[in-house]
mmCIF file of all heavy atoms, coordinates in Angstrom:
data_MODEL
# 
_entry.id   MODEL 
# 
loop_
_atom_site.group_PDB 
_atom_site.id 
_atom_site.type_symbol 
_atom_site.label_atom_id 
_atom_site.label_alt_id 
_atom_site.label_comp_id 
_atom_site.label_asym_id 
_atom_site.label_entity_id 
_atom_site.label_seq_id 
_atom_site.pdbx_PDB_ins_code 
_atom_site.Cartn_x 
_atom_site.Cartn_y 
_atom_site.Cartn_z 
_atom_site.occupancy 
_atom_site.B_iso_or_equiv 
_atom_site.pdbx_formal_charge 
_atom_site.auth_seq_id 
_atom_site.auth_comp_id 
_atom_site.auth_asym_id 
_atom_site.auth_atom_id 
_atom_site.pdbx_PDB_model_num 
ATOM 1   N N   . MET A 1 1  ? -30.936 -23.914 3.261   1.00 0.00 ? 1  MET A N   1 
ATOM 2   C CA  . MET A 1 1  ? -31.890 -24.136 4.396   1.00 0.00 ? 1  MET A CA  1 
ATOM 3   C C   . MET A 1 1  ? -32.212 -22.801 5.042   1.00 0.00 ? 1  MET A C   1 
ATOM 4   O O   . MET A 1 1  ? -33.334 -22.552 5.383   1.00 0.00 ? 1  MET A O   1 
ATOM 5   C CB  . MET A 1 1  ? -31.184 -25.100 5.366   1.00 0.00 ? 1  MET A CB  1 
ATOM 6   C CG  . MET A 1 1  ? -31.119 -26.555 4.901   1.00 0.00 ? 1  MET A CG  1 
ATOM 7   S SD  . MET A 1 1  ? -30.504 -27.645 6.137   1.00 0.00 ? 1  MET A SD  1 
ATOM 8   C CE  . MET A 1 1  ? -28.716 -27.242 6.103   1.00 0.00 ? 1  MET A CE  1 
ATOM 9   N N   . ARG A 1 2  ? -31.225 -21.930 5.207   1.00 0.00 ? 2  ARG A N   1 
ATOM 10  C CA  . ARG A 1 2  ? -31.513 -20.649 5.806   1.00 0.00 ? 2  ARG A CA  1 
ATOM 11  C C   . ARG A 1 2  ? -32.266 -19.661 4.941   1.00 0.00 ? 2  ARG A C   1 
ATOM 12  O O   . ARG A 1 2  ? -33.129 -18.966 5.452   1.00 0.00 ? 2  ARG A O   1 
ATOM 13  C CB  . ARG A 1 2  ? -30.099 -20.026 6.191   1.00 0.00 ? 2  ARG A CB  1 
ATOM 14  C CG  . ARG A 1 2  ? -30.193 -18.705 6.883   1.00 0.00 ? 2  ARG A CG  1 
ATOM 15  C CD  . ARG A 1 2  ? -28.792 -18.287 7.459   1.00 0.00 ? 2  ARG A CD  1 
ATOM 16  N NE  . ARG A 1 2  ? -28.707 -16.959 7.801   1.00 0.00 ? 2  ARG A NE  1 
ATOM 17  C CZ  . ARG A 1 2  ? -28.345 -15.944 7.022   1.00 0.00 ? 2  ARG A CZ  1 
ATOM 18  N NH1 . ARG A 1 2  ? -27.943 -16.254 5.834   1.00 0.00 ? 2  ARG A NH1 1 
ATOM 19  N NH2 . ARG A 1 2  ? -28.307 -14.714 7.432   1.00 0.00 ? 2  ARG A NH2 1 
ATOM 20  N N   . MET A 1 3  ? -32.001 -19.743 3.640   1.00 0.00 ? 3  MET A N   1 
ATOM 21  C CA  . MET A 1 3  ? -32.723 -18.864 2.715   1.00 0.00 ? 3  MET A CA  1 
ATOM 22  C C   . MET A 1 3  ? -34.021 -19.458 2.164   1.00 0.00 ? 3  MET A C   1 
ATOM 23  O O   . MET A 1 3  ? -34.718 -18.796 1.444   1.00 0.00 ? 3  MET A O   1 
ATOM 24  C CB  . MET A 1 3  ? -31.766 -18.472 1.520   1.00 0.00 ? 3  MET A CB  1 
ATOM 25  C CG  . MET A 1 3  ? -30.599 -17.623 1.941   1.00 0.00 ? 3  MET A CG  1 
ATOM 26  S SD  . MET A 1 3  ? -29.669 -17.153 0.463   1.00 0.00 ? 3  MET A SD  1 
ATOM 27  C CE  . MET A 1 3  ? -28.418 -15.982 1.284   1.00 0.00 ? 3  MET A CE  1 
ATOM 28  N N   . LYS A 1 4  ? -34.321 -20.764 2.489   1.00 0.00 ? 4  LYS A N   1 
ATOM 29  C CA  . LYS A 1 4  ? -35.448 -21.424 2.004   1.00 0.00 ? 4  LYS A CA  1 
ATOM 30  C C   . LYS A 1 4  ? -35.615 -21.302 0.492   1.00 0.00 ? 4  LYS A C   1 
ATOM 31  O O   . LYS A 1 4  ? -36.582 -20.773 -0.118  1.00 0.00 ? 4  LYS A O   1 
ATOM 32  C CB  . LYS A 1 4  ? -36.703 -20.807 2.684   1.00 0.00 ? 4  LYS A CB  1 
ATOM 33  C CG  . LYS A 1 4  ? -36.658 -20.836 4.240   1.00 0.00 ? 4  LYS A CG  1 
ATOM 34  C CD  . LYS A 1 4  ? -36.699 -22.227 4.708   1.00 0.00 ? 4  LYS A CD  1 
ATOM 35  C CE  . LYS A 1 4  ? -36.810 -22.242 6.249   1.00 0.00 ? 4  LYS A CE  1 
ATOM 36  N NZ  . LYS A 1 4  ? -35.605 -21.733 6.958   1.00 0.00 ? 4  LYS A NZ  1 
ATOM 37  N N   . CYS A 1 5  ? -34.518 -21.800 -0.207  1.00 0.00 ? 5  CYS A N   1 
ATOM 38  C CA  . CYS A 1 5  ? -34.493 -21.726 -1.645  1.00 0.00 ? 5  CYS A CA  1 
ATOM 39  C C   . CYS A 1 5  ? -34.111 -23.062 -2.287  1.00 0.00 ? 5  CYS A C   1 
ATOM 40  O O   . CYS A 1 5  ? -33.704 -23.133 -3.421  1.00 0.00 ? 5  CYS A O   1 
ATOM 41  C CB  . CYS A 1 5  ? -33.572 -20.643 -2.173  1.00 0.00 ? 5  CYS A CB  1 
ATOM 42  S SG  . CYS A 1 5  ? -31.795 -20.923 -1.712  1.00 0.00 ? 5  CYS A SG  1 
ATOM 43  N N   . GLY A 1 6  ? -34.328 -24.140 -1.547  1.00 0.00 ? 6  GLY A N   1 
ATOM 44  C CA  . GLY A 1 6  ? -33.847 -25.459 -1.971  1.00 0.00 ? 6  GLY A CA  1 
ATOM 45  C C   . GLY A 1 6  ? -34.478 -25.950 -3.285  1.00 0.00 ? 6  GLY A C   1 
ATOM 46  O O   . GLY A 1 6  ? -33.798 -26.445 -4.239  1.00 0.00 ? 6  GLY A O   1 
ATOM 47  N N   . GLY A 1 7  ? -35.811 -25.798 -3.463  1.00 0.00 ? 7  GLY A N   1 
ATOM 48  C CA  . GLY A 1 7  ? -36.487 -26.245 -4.621  1.00 0.00 ? 7  GLY A CA  1 
ATOM 49  C C   . GLY A 1 7  ? -36.014 -25.414 -5.873  1.00 0.00 ? 7  GLY A C   1 
ATOM 50  O O   . GLY A 1 7  ? -35.739 -25.950 -6.893  1.00 0.00 ? 7  GLY A O   1 
ATOM 51  N N   . GLY A 1 8  ? -36.002 -24.082 -5.635  1.00 0.00 ? 8  GLY A N   1 
ATOM 52  C CA  . GLY A 1 8  ? -35.621 -23.227 -6.723  1.00 0.00 ? 8  GLY A CA  1 
ATOM 53  C C   . GLY A 1 8  ? -34.143 -23.424 -7.122  1.00 0.00 ? 8  GLY A C   1 
ATOM 54  O O   . GLY A 1 8  ? -33.819 -23.400 -8.318  1.00 0.00 ? 8  GLY A O   1 
ATOM 55  N N   . LEU A 1 9  ? -33.284 -23.667 -6.179  1.00 0.00 ? 9  LEU A N   1 
ATOM 56  C CA  . LEU A 1 9  ? -31.900 -23.957 -6.444  1.00 0.00 ? 9  LEU A CA  1 
ATOM 57  C C   . LEU A 1 9  ? -31.723 -25.193 -7.286  1.00 0.00 ? 9  LEU A C   1 
ATOM 58  O O   . LEU A 1 9  ? -31.033 -25.233 -8.291  1.00 0.00 ? 9  LEU A O   1 
ATOM 59  C CB  . LEU A 1 9  ? -31.108 -24.052 -5.218  1.00 0.00 ? 9  LEU A CB  1 
ATOM 60  C CG  . LEU A 1 9  ? -29.646 -24.357 -5.306  1.00 0.00 ? 9  LEU A CG  1 
ATOM 61  C CD1 . LEU A 1 9  ? -28.821 -23.079 -5.531  1.00 0.00 ? 9  LEU A CD1 1 
ATOM 62  C CD2 . LEU A 1 9  ? -29.111 -25.074 -4.036  1.00 0.00 ? 9  LEU A CD2 1 
ATOM 63  N N   . ALA A 1 10 ? -32.442 -26.324 -6.815  1.00 0.00 ? 10 ALA A N   1 
ATOM 64  C CA  . ALA A 1 10 ? -32.295 -27.613 -7.516  1.00 0.00 ? 10 ALA A CA  1 
ATOM 65  C C   . ALA A 1 10 ? -32.859 -27.467 -8.942  1.00 0.00 ? 10 ALA A C   1 
ATOM 66  O O   . ALA A 1 10 ? -32.142 -27.911 -9.936  1.00 0.00 ? 10 ALA A O   1 
ATOM 67  C CB  . ALA A 1 10 ? -33.070 -28.690 -6.761  1.00 0.00 ? 10 ALA A CB  1 
ATOM 68  N N   . LEU A 1 11 ? -34.041 -26.913 -9.146  1.00 0.00 ? 11 LEU A N   1 
ATOM 69  C CA  . LEU A 1 11 ? -34.631 -26.942 -10.492 1.00 0.00 ? 11 LEU A CA  1 
ATOM 70  C C   . LEU A 1 11 ? -33.872 -25.935 -11.428 1.00 0.00 ? 11 LEU A C   1 
ATOM 71  O O   . LEU A 1 11 ? -33.667 -26.304 -12.589 1.00 0.00 ? 11 LEU A O   1 
ATOM 72  C CB  . LEU A 1 11 ? -36.098 -26.492 -10.362 1.00 0.00 ? 11 LEU A CB  1 
ATOM 73  C CG  . LEU A 1 11 ? -36.964 -27.399 -9.600  1.00 0.00 ? 11 LEU A CG  1 
ATOM 74  C CD1 . LEU A 1 11 ? -38.471 -26.921 -9.642  1.00 0.00 ? 11 LEU A CD1 1 
ATOM 75  C CD2 . LEU A 1 11 ? -36.902 -28.863 -10.048 1.00 0.00 ? 11 LEU A CD2 1 
ATOM 76  N N   . SER A 1 12 ? -33.524 -24.769 -11.001 1.00 0.00 ? 12 SER A N   1 
ATOM 77  C CA  . SER A 1 12 ? -32.893 -23.787 -11.808 1.00 0.00 ? 12 SER A CA  1 
ATOM 78  C C   . SER A 1 12 ? -31.532 -24.197 -12.217 1.00 0.00 ? 12 SER A C   1 
ATOM 79  O O   . SER A 1 12 ? -31.113 -24.029 -13.461 1.00 0.00 ? 12 SER A O   1 
ATOM 80  C CB  . SER A 1 12 ? -32.900 -22.429 -11.168 1.00 0.00 ? 12 SER A CB  1 
ATOM 81  O OG  . SER A 1 12 ? -32.143 -22.446 -10.034 1.00 0.00 ? 12 SER A OG  1 
ATOM 82  N N   . THR A 1 13 ? -30.719 -24.717 -11.372 1.00 0.00 ? 13 THR A N   1 
ATOM 83  C CA  . THR A 1 13 ? -29.373 -25.145 -11.687 1.00 0.00 ? 13 THR A CA  1 
ATOM 84  C C   . THR A 1 13 ? -29.362 -26.370 -12.559 1.00 0.00 ? 13 THR A C   1 
ATOM 85  O O   . THR A 1 13 ? -28.512 -26.517 -13.463 1.00 0.00 ? 13 THR A O   1 
ATOM 86  C CB  . THR A 1 13 ? -28.436 -25.335 -10.445 1.00 0.00 ? 13 THR A CB  1 
ATOM 87  O OG1 . THR A 1 13 ? -29.016 -26.280 -9.586  1.00 0.00 ? 13 THR A OG1 1 
ATOM 88  C CG2 . THR A 1 13 ? -28.346 -23.944 -9.712  1.00 0.00 ? 13 THR A CG2 1 
ATOM 89  N N   . ALA A 1 14 ? -30.307 -27.236 -12.323 1.00 0.00 ? 14 ALA A N   1 
ATOM 90  C CA  . ALA A 1 14 ? -30.440 -28.435 -13.201 1.00 0.00 ? 14 ALA A CA  1 
ATOM 91  C C   . ALA A 1 14 ? -30.766 -28.022 -14.642 1.00 0.00 ? 14 ALA A C   1 
ATOM 92  O O   . ALA A 1 14 ? -30.223 -28.493 -15.606 1.00 0.00 ? 14 ALA A O   1 
ATOM 93  C CB  . ALA A 1 14 ? -31.512 -29.386 -12.642 1.00 0.00 ? 14 ALA A CB  1 
ATOM 94  N N   . PHE A 1 15 ? -31.686 -27.030 -14.745 1.00 0.00 ? 15 PHE A N   1 
ATOM 95  C CA  . PHE A 1 15 ? -32.119 -26.451 -15.996 1.00 0.00 ? 15 PHE A CA  1 
ATOM 96  C C   . PHE A 1 15 ? -30.930 -25.856 -16.693 1.00 0.00 ? 15 PHE A C   1 
ATOM 97  O O   . PHE A 1 15 ? -30.627 -26.100 -17.869 1.00 0.00 ? 15 PHE A O   1 
ATOM 98  C CB  . PHE A 1 15 ? -33.242 -25.488 -15.790 1.00 0.00 ? 15 PHE A CB  1 
ATOM 99  C CG  . PHE A 1 15 ? -33.913 -24.993 -17.036 1.00 0.00 ? 15 PHE A CG  1 
ATOM 100 C CD1 . PHE A 1 15 ? -34.951 -25.795 -17.570 1.00 0.00 ? 15 PHE A CD1 1 
ATOM 101 C CD2 . PHE A 1 15 ? -33.540 -23.858 -17.639 1.00 0.00 ? 15 PHE A CD2 1 
ATOM 102 C CE1 . PHE A 1 15 ? -35.613 -25.324 -18.747 1.00 0.00 ? 15 PHE A CE1 1 
ATOM 103 C CE2 . PHE A 1 15 ? -34.172 -23.384 -18.814 1.00 0.00 ? 15 PHE A CE2 1 
ATOM 104 C CZ  . PHE A 1 15 ? -35.232 -24.145 -19.322 1.00 0.00 ? 15 PHE A CZ  1 
ATOM 105 N N   . GLY A 1 16 ? -30.157 -25.058 -15.939 1.00 0.00 ? 16 GLY A N   1 
ATOM 106 C CA  . GLY A 1 16 ? -29.019 -24.391 -16.515 1.00 0.00 ? 16 GLY A CA  1 
ATOM 107 C C   . GLY A 1 16 ? -27.943 -25.281 -16.932 1.00 0.00 ? 16 GLY A C   1 
ATOM 108 O O   . GLY A 1 16 ? -27.300 -25.129 -17.989 1.00 0.00 ? 16 GLY A O   1 
ATOM 109 N N   . ALA A 1 17 ? -27.739 -26.369 -16.180 1.00 0.00 ? 17 ALA A N   1 
ATOM 110 C CA  . ALA A 1 17 ? -26.660 -27.398 -16.491 1.00 0.00 ? 17 ALA A CA  1 
ATOM 111 C C   . ALA A 1 17 ? -26.980 -28.126 -17.695 1.00 0.00 ? 17 ALA A C   1 
ATOM 112 O O   . ALA A 1 17 ? -26.125 -28.412 -18.637 1.00 0.00 ? 17 ALA A O   1 
ATOM 113 C CB  . ALA A 1 17 ? -26.386 -28.235 -15.323 1.00 0.00 ? 17 ALA A CB  1 
ATOM 114 N N   . VAL A 1 18 ? -28.244 -28.541 -17.855 1.00 0.00 ? 18 VAL A N   1 
ATOM 115 C CA  . VAL A 1 18 ? -28.722 -29.209 -19.096 1.00 0.00 ? 18 VAL A CA  1 
ATOM 116 C C   . VAL A 1 18 ? -28.570 -28.414 -20.343 1.00 0.00 ? 18 VAL A C   1 
ATOM 117 O O   . VAL A 1 18 ? -28.022 -28.826 -21.375 1.00 0.00 ? 18 VAL A O   1 
ATOM 118 C CB  . VAL A 1 18 ? -30.126 -29.734 -18.940 1.00 0.00 ? 18 VAL A CB  1 
ATOM 119 C CG1 . VAL A 1 18 ? -30.695 -30.238 -20.241 1.00 0.00 ? 18 VAL A CG1 1 
ATOM 120 C CG2 . VAL A 1 18 ? -30.239 -30.807 -17.845 1.00 0.00 ? 18 VAL A CG2 1 
ATOM 121 N N   . ASN A 1 19 ? -28.924 -27.102 -20.258 1.00 0.00 ? 19 ASN A N   1 
ATOM 122 C CA  . ASN A 1 19 ? -28.823 -26.246 -21.401 1.00 0.00 ? 19 ASN A CA  1 
ATOM 123 C C   . ASN A 1 19 ? -27.333 -26.004 -21.732 1.00 0.00 ? 19 ASN A C   1 
ATOM 124 O O   . ASN A 1 19 ? -26.987 -25.789 -22.886 1.00 0.00 ? 19 ASN A O   1 
ATOM 125 C CB  . ASN A 1 19 ? -29.518 -24.953 -21.139 1.00 0.00 ? 19 ASN A CB  1 
ATOM 126 C CG  . ASN A 1 19 ? -31.039 -25.079 -21.256 1.00 0.00 ? 19 ASN A CG  1 
ATOM 127 O OD1 . ASN A 1 19 ? -31.535 -25.999 -21.952 1.00 0.00 ? 19 ASN A OD1 1 
ATOM 128 N ND2 . ASN A 1 19 ? -31.864 -24.215 -20.578 1.00 0.00 ? 19 ASN A ND2 1 
ATOM 129 N N   . ALA A 1 20 ? -26.477 -25.862 -20.667 1.00 0.00 ? 20 ALA A N   1 
ATOM 130 C CA  . ALA A 1 20 ? -25.040 -25.717 -20.959 1.00 0.00 ? 20 ALA A CA  1 
ATOM 131 C C   . ALA A 1 20 ? -24.502 -26.956 -21.652 1.00 0.00 ? 20 ALA A C   1 
ATOM 132 O O   . ALA A 1 20 ? -23.645 -26.818 -22.530 1.00 0.00 ? 20 ALA A O   1 
ATOM 133 C CB  . ALA A 1 20 ? -24.348 -25.468 -19.641 1.00 0.00 ? 20 ALA A CB  1 
ATOM 134 N N   . PHE A 1 21 ? -24.894 -28.154 -21.247 1.00 0.00 ? 21 PHE A N   1 
ATOM 135 C CA  . PHE A 1 21 ? -24.440 -29.380 -21.916 1.00 0.00 ? 21 PHE A CA  1 
ATOM 136 C C   . PHE A 1 21 ? -24.929 -29.334 -23.391 1.00 0.00 ? 21 PHE A C   1 
ATOM 137 O O   . PHE A 1 21 ? -24.131 -29.683 -24.313 1.00 0.00 ? 21 PHE A O   1 
ATOM 138 C CB  . PHE A 1 21 ? -25.006 -30.640 -21.242 1.00 0.00 ? 21 PHE A CB  1 
ATOM 139 C CG  . PHE A 1 21 ? -24.810 -31.838 -22.030 1.00 0.00 ? 21 PHE A CG  1 
ATOM 140 C CD1 . PHE A 1 21 ? -23.530 -32.481 -22.035 1.00 0.00 ? 21 PHE A CD1 1 
ATOM 141 C CD2 . PHE A 1 21 ? -25.803 -32.388 -22.840 1.00 0.00 ? 21 PHE A CD2 1 
ATOM 142 C CE1 . PHE A 1 21 ? -23.298 -33.629 -22.814 1.00 0.00 ? 21 PHE A CE1 1 
ATOM 143 C CE2 . PHE A 1 21 ? -25.574 -33.571 -23.574 1.00 0.00 ? 21 PHE A CE2 1 
ATOM 144 C CZ  . PHE A 1 21 ? -24.385 -34.157 -23.537 1.00 0.00 ? 21 PHE A CZ  1 
ATOM 145 N N   . LEU A 1 22 ? -26.154 -28.953 -23.633 1.00 0.00 ? 22 LEU A N   1 
ATOM 146 C CA  . LEU A 1 22 ? -26.694 -28.831 -25.047 1.00 0.00 ? 22 LEU A CA  1 
ATOM 147 C C   . LEU A 1 22 ? -25.778 -27.869 -25.799 1.00 0.00 ? 22 LEU A C   1 
ATOM 148 O O   . LEU A 1 22 ? -25.441 -28.178 -26.996 1.00 0.00 ? 22 LEU A O   1 
ATOM 149 C CB  . LEU A 1 22 ? -28.095 -28.338 -25.023 1.00 0.00 ? 22 LEU A CB  1 
ATOM 150 C CG  . LEU A 1 22 ? -29.195 -29.440 -25.033 1.00 0.00 ? 22 LEU A CG  1 
ATOM 151 C CD1 . LEU A 1 22 ? -30.601 -28.692 -24.954 1.00 0.00 ? 22 LEU A CD1 1 
ATOM 152 C CD2 . LEU A 1 22 ? -29.110 -30.293 -26.243 1.00 0.00 ? 22 LEU A CD2 1 
ATOM 153 N N   . LYS A 1 23 ? -25.450 -26.758 -25.319 1.00 0.00 ? 23 LYS A N   1 
ATOM 154 C CA  . LYS A 1 23 ? -24.624 -25.768 -25.986 1.00 0.00 ? 23 LYS A CA  1 
ATOM 155 C C   . LYS A 1 23 ? -23.262 -26.349 -26.255 1.00 0.00 ? 23 LYS A C   1 
ATOM 156 O O   . LYS A 1 23 ? -22.696 -26.153 -27.376 1.00 0.00 ? 23 LYS A O   1 
ATOM 157 C CB  . LYS A 1 23 ? -24.552 -24.502 -25.168 1.00 0.00 ? 23 LYS A CB  1 
ATOM 158 C CG  . LYS A 1 23 ? -23.771 -23.377 -25.878 1.00 0.00 ? 23 LYS A CG  1 
ATOM 159 C CD  . LYS A 1 23 ? -23.768 -22.118 -24.992 1.00 0.00 ? 23 LYS A CD  1 
ATOM 160 C CE  . LYS A 1 23 ? -23.025 -20.996 -25.710 1.00 0.00 ? 23 LYS A CE  1 
ATOM 161 N NZ  . LYS A 1 23 ? -23.093 -19.737 -24.918 1.00 0.00 ? 23 LYS A NZ  1 
ATOM 162 N N   . MET A 1 24 ? -22.669 -27.067 -25.289 1.00 0.00 ? 24 MET A N   1 
ATOM 163 C CA  . MET A 1 24 ? -21.357 -27.645 -25.454 1.00 0.00 ? 24 MET A CA  1 
ATOM 164 C C   . MET A 1 24 ? -21.393 -28.702 -26.568 1.00 0.00 ? 24 MET A C   1 
ATOM 165 O O   . MET A 1 24 ? -20.516 -28.745 -27.408 1.00 0.00 ? 24 MET A O   1 
ATOM 166 C CB  . MET A 1 24 ? -20.927 -28.302 -24.135 1.00 0.00 ? 24 MET A CB  1 
ATOM 167 C CG  . MET A 1 24 ? -19.548 -28.979 -24.142 1.00 0.00 ? 24 MET A CG  1 
ATOM 168 S SD  . MET A 1 24 ? -19.442 -30.657 -24.791 1.00 0.00 ? 24 MET A SD  1 
ATOM 169 C CE  . MET A 1 24 ? -20.569 -31.481 -23.676 1.00 0.00 ? 24 MET A CE  1 
ATOM 170 N N   . ARG A 1 25 ? -22.492 -29.597 -26.570 1.00 0.00 ? 25 ARG A N   1 
ATOM 171 C CA  . ARG A 1 25 ? -22.581 -30.579 -27.580 1.00 0.00 ? 25 ARG A CA  1 
ATOM 172 C C   . ARG A 1 25 ? -22.721 -29.998 -28.934 1.00 0.00 ? 25 ARG A C   1 
ATOM 173 O O   . ARG A 1 25 ? -22.162 -30.516 -29.943 1.00 0.00 ? 25 ARG A O   1 
ATOM 174 C CB  . ARG A 1 25 ? -23.762 -31.486 -27.240 1.00 0.00 ? 25 ARG A CB  1 
ATOM 175 C CG  . ARG A 1 25 ? -23.848 -32.790 -28.127 1.00 0.00 ? 25 ARG A CG  1 
ATOM 176 C CD  . ARG A 1 25 ? -24.997 -33.638 -27.729 1.00 0.00 ? 25 ARG A CD  1 
ATOM 177 N NE  . ARG A 1 25 ? -26.284 -33.036 -28.013 1.00 0.00 ? 25 ARG A NE  1 
ATOM 178 C CZ  . ARG A 1 25 ? -27.471 -33.682 -28.002 1.00 0.00 ? 25 ARG A CZ  1 
ATOM 179 N NH1 . ARG A 1 25 ? -27.487 -34.908 -27.632 1.00 0.00 ? 25 ARG A NH1 1 
ATOM 180 N NH2 . ARG A 1 25 ? -28.564 -33.073 -28.341 1.00 0.00 ? 25 ARG A NH2 1 
ATOM 181 N N   . SER A 1 26 ? -23.561 -28.938 -29.016 1.00 0.00 ? 26 SER A N   1 
ATOM 182 C CA  . SER A 1 26 ? -23.693 -28.260 -30.327 1.00 0.00 ? 26 SER A CA  1 
ATOM 183 C C   . SER A 1 26 ? -22.432 -27.689 -30.843 1.00 0.00 ? 26 SER A C   1 
ATOM 184 O O   . SER A 1 26 ? -22.089 -27.801 -32.034 1.00 0.00 ? 26 SER A O   1 
ATOM 185 C CB  . SER A 1 26 ? -24.844 -27.185 -30.173 1.00 0.00 ? 26 SER A CB  1 
ATOM 186 O OG  . SER A 1 26 ? -24.881 -26.476 -31.382 1.00 0.00 ? 26 SER A OG  1 
ATOM 187 N N   . THR A 1 27 ? -21.657 -27.039 -29.923 1.00 0.00 ? 27 THR A N   1 
ATOM 188 C CA  . THR A 1 27 ? -20.369 -26.482 -30.430 1.00 0.00 ? 27 THR A CA  1 
ATOM 189 C C   . THR A 1 27 ? -19.409 -27.504 -30.792 1.00 0.00 ? 27 THR A C   1 
ATOM 190 O O   . THR A 1 27 ? -18.705 -27.320 -31.784 1.00 0.00 ? 27 THR A O   1 
ATOM 191 C CB  . THR A 1 27 ? -19.806 -25.713 -29.173 1.00 0.00 ? 27 THR A CB  1 
ATOM 192 O OG1 . THR A 1 27 ? -20.670 -24.647 -28.757 1.00 0.00 ? 27 THR A OG1 1 
ATOM 193 C CG2 . THR A 1 27 ? -18.536 -25.028 -29.604 1.00 0.00 ? 27 THR A CG2 1 
ATOM 194 N N   . SER A 1 28 ? -19.372 -28.684 -30.128 1.00 0.00 ? 28 SER A N   1 
ATOM 195 C CA  . SER A 1 28 ? -18.452 -29.743 -30.394 1.00 0.00 ? 28 SER A CA  1 
ATOM 196 C C   . SER A 1 28 ? -18.769 -30.401 -31.776 1.00 0.00 ? 28 SER A C   1 
ATOM 197 O O   . SER A 1 28 ? -17.872 -30.850 -32.529 1.00 0.00 ? 28 SER A O   1 
ATOM 198 C CB  . SER A 1 28 ? -18.521 -30.831 -29.350 1.00 0.00 ? 28 SER A CB  1 
ATOM 199 O OG  . SER A 1 28 ? -18.156 -30.294 -28.096 1.00 0.00 ? 28 SER A OG  1 
ATOM 200 N N   . SER A 1 29 ? -20.073 -30.415 -32.146 1.00 0.00 ? 29 SER A N   1 
ATOM 201 C CA  . SER A 1 29 ? -20.430 -31.048 -33.435 1.00 0.00 ? 29 SER A CA  1 
ATOM 202 C C   . SER A 1 29 ? -20.290 -30.151 -34.659 1.00 0.00 ? 29 SER A C   1 
ATOM 203 O O   . SER A 1 29 ? -20.320 -30.636 -35.750 1.00 0.00 ? 29 SER A O   1 
ATOM 204 C CB  . SER A 1 29 ? -21.895 -31.554 -33.318 1.00 0.00 ? 29 SER A CB  1 
ATOM 205 O OG  . SER A 1 29 ? -22.793 -30.478 -33.134 1.00 0.00 ? 29 SER A OG  1 
# 
């Protein structure tokens, strides 16, 4: 709220988390 970065925070971390899951799934298989 103070840094006015809510949209960027939501989108970028969601993007990073999905790609991290993909990497984890690929490694597991």
